[in-house]
Amino acid sequence: MYLLIIGFLLVLLKFMDINPVSQWSWWWVLSPFIIILIWWEVIERVFKLREKREEAKLVEERKERLDRLMGKKK
């Protein structure tokens, strides 16, 4: 999320022609978006981070449901 905000700020500064960003190459200005793309498309898939988070959430919901059915209230 932070990279997305930084990317939008850099693009805004580049369009507004504010130094030192106005002197940078577009590759440097757009690099946060490239990093985000690599993260979402490569790293998330390789390490299956999304699936692990979803599985942990399902396990927690299942545990809460069992506790509720067995009469154990929090």
C-alpha atoms as a PDB file:
ATOM      1  CA  MET A   1       0.000   0.000   0.000  1.00  0.00           C
ATOM      2  CA  TYR A   2       2.845   2.361   0.854  1.00  0.00           C
ATOM      3  CA  LEU A   3       4.512   1.731  -2.492  1.00  0.00           C
ATOM      4  CA  LEU A   4       1.273   2.582  -4.257  1.00  0.00           C
ATOM      5  CA  ILE A   5       1.029   5.918  -2.449  1.00  0.00           C
ATOM      6  CA  ILE A   6       4.692   6.675  -3.142  1.00  0.00           C
ATOM      7  CA  GLY A   7       4.188   5.810  -6.810  1.00  0.00           C
ATOM      8  CA  PHE A   8       1.212   8.140  -7.162  1.00  0.00           C
ATOM      9  CA  LEU A   9       3.106  10.941  -5.416  1.00  0.00           C
ATOM     10  CA  LEU A  10       6.100  10.498  -7.711  1.00  0.00           C
ATOM     11  CA  VAL A  11       3.900  10.578 -10.824  1.00  0.00           C
ATOM     12  CA  LEU A  12       2.131  13.679  -9.519  1.00  0.00           C
ATOM     13  CA  LEU A  13       5.452  15.414  -8.820  1.00  0.00           C
ATOM     14  CA  LYS A  14       6.721  14.449 -12.278  1.00  0.00           C
ATOM     15  CA  PHE A  15       3.612  15.883 -13.989  1.00  0.00           C
ATOM     16  CA  MET A  16       3.763  19.060 -11.900  1.00  0.00           C
ATOM     17  CA  ASP A  17       7.412  19.455 -12.930  1.00  0.00           C
ATOM     18  CA  ILE A  18       8.713  19.729  -9.364  1.00  0.00           C
ATOM     19  CA  ASN A  19      12.434  19.233  -8.770  1.00  0.00           C
ATOM     20  CA  PRO A  20      14.229  16.842  -8.270  1.00  0.00           C
ATOM     21  CA  VAL A  21      11.571  14.394  -9.506  1.00  0.00           C
ATOM     22  CA  SER A  22      11.097  16.282 -12.772  1.00  0.00           C
ATOM     23  CA  GLN A  23      14.699  15.499 -13.705  1.00  0.00           C
ATOM     24  CA  TRP A  24      14.363  11.784 -13.032  1.00  0.00           C
ATOM     25  CA  SER A  25      13.760   9.220 -15.732  1.00  0.00           C
ATOM     26  CA  TRP A  26      10.257   7.783 -16.021  1.00  0.00           C
ATOM     27  CA  TRP A  27      11.722   4.393 -15.110  1.00  0.00           C
ATOM     28  CA  TRP A  28      12.590   5.705 -11.627  1.00  0.00           C
ATOM     29  CA  VAL A  29       9.224   7.393 -11.235  1.00  0.00           C
ATOM     30  CA  LEU A  30       7.311   4.246 -12.211  1.00  0.00           C
ATOM     31  CA  SER A  31       9.569   1.834 -10.292  1.00  0.00           C
ATOM     32  CA  PRO A  32       7.198   1.541  -7.275  1.00  0.00           C
ATOM     33  CA  PHE A  33       4.474   0.255  -9.621  1.00  0.00           C
ATOM     34  CA  ILE A  34       6.893  -2.233 -11.154  1.00  0.00           C
ATOM     35  CA  ILE A  35       7.838  -3.483  -7.673  1.00  0.00           C
ATOM     36  CA  ILE A  36       4.143  -3.855  -6.770  1.00  0.00           C
ATOM     37  CA  LEU A  37       3.500  -5.791  -9.971  1.00  0.00           C
ATOM     38  CA  ILE A  38       6.398  -8.145  -9.260  1.00  0.00           C
ATOM     39  CA  TRP A  39       5.195  -8.647  -5.687  1.00  0.00           C
ATOM     40  CA  TRP A  40       1.597  -9.431  -6.638  1.00  0.00           C
ATOM     41  CA  GLU A  41       2.323 -11.588  -9.665  1.00  0.00           C
ATOM     42  CA  VAL A  42       5.497 -13.423  -8.640  1.00  0.00           C
ATOM     43  CA  ILE A  43       6.212 -13.430  -4.917  1.00  0.00           C
ATOM     44  CA  GLU A  44       2.603 -13.989  -3.824  1.00  0.00           C
ATOM     45  CA  ARG A  45       2.298 -16.988  -6.169  1.00  0.00           C
ATOM     46  CA  VAL A  46       5.687 -18.521  -5.378  1.00  0.00           C
ATOM     47  CA  PHE A  47       5.248 -18.471  -1.612  1.00  0.00           C
ATOM     48  CA  LYS A  48       1.433 -18.878  -1.733  1.00  0.00           C
ATOM     49  CA  LEU A  49       1.016 -16.087   0.804  1.00  0.00           C
ATOM     50  CA  ARG A  50      -2.623 -15.413  -0.049  1.00  0.00           C
ATOM     51  CA  GLU A  51      -3.618 -19.063   0.328  1.00  0.00           C
ATOM     52  CA  LYS A  52      -1.863 -19.319   3.695  1.00  0.00           C
ATOM     53  CA  ARG A  53      -3.722 -16.270   5.011  1.00  0.00           C
ATOM     54  CA  GLU A  54      -7.063 -17.601   3.782  1.00  0.00           C
ATOM     55  CA  GLU A  55      -6.404 -21.044   5.238  1.00  0.00           C
ATOM     56  CA  ALA A  56      -5.470 -19.584   8.627  1.00  0.00           C
ATOM     57  CA  LYS A  57      -8.680 -17.546   8.588  1.00  0.00           C
ATOM     58  CA  LEU A  58     -10.766 -20.636   7.769  1.00  0.00           C
ATOM     59  CA  VAL A  59      -9.111 -22.635  10.552  1.00  0.00           C
ATOM     60  CA  GLU A  60      -9.843 -19.854  13.054  1.00  0.00           C
ATOM     61  CA  GLU A  61     -13.488 -19.627  11.939  1.00  0.00           C
ATOM     62  CA  ARG A  62     -13.844 -23.399  12.176  1.00  0.00           C
ATOM     63  CA  LYS A  63     -12.379 -23.362  15.714  1.00  0.00           C
ATOM     64  CA  GLU A  64     -14.751 -20.579  16.798  1.00  0.00           C
ATOM     65  CA  ARG A  65     -17.717 -22.451  15.333  1.00  0.00           C
ATOM     66  CA  LEU A  66     -16.756 -25.642  17.192  1.00  0.00           C
ATOM     67  CA  ASP A  67     -16.317 -23.736  20.445  1.00  0.00           C
ATOM     68  CA  ARG A  68     -19.716 -22.129  19.995  1.00  0.00           C
ATOM     69  CA  LEU A  69     -21.391 -25.484  19.238  1.00  0.00           C
ATOM     70  CA  MET A  70     -19.745 -27.201  22.185  1.00  0.00           C
ATOM     71  CA  GLY A  71     -20.971 -24.503  24.574  1.00  0.00           C
ATOM     72  CA  LYS A  72     -17.673 -22.773  25.165  1.00  0.00           C
ATOM     73  CA  LYS A  73     -18.281 -19.067  25.021  1.00  0.00           C
ATOM     74  CA  LYS A  74     -15.619 -16.382  25.042  1.00  0.00           C
END
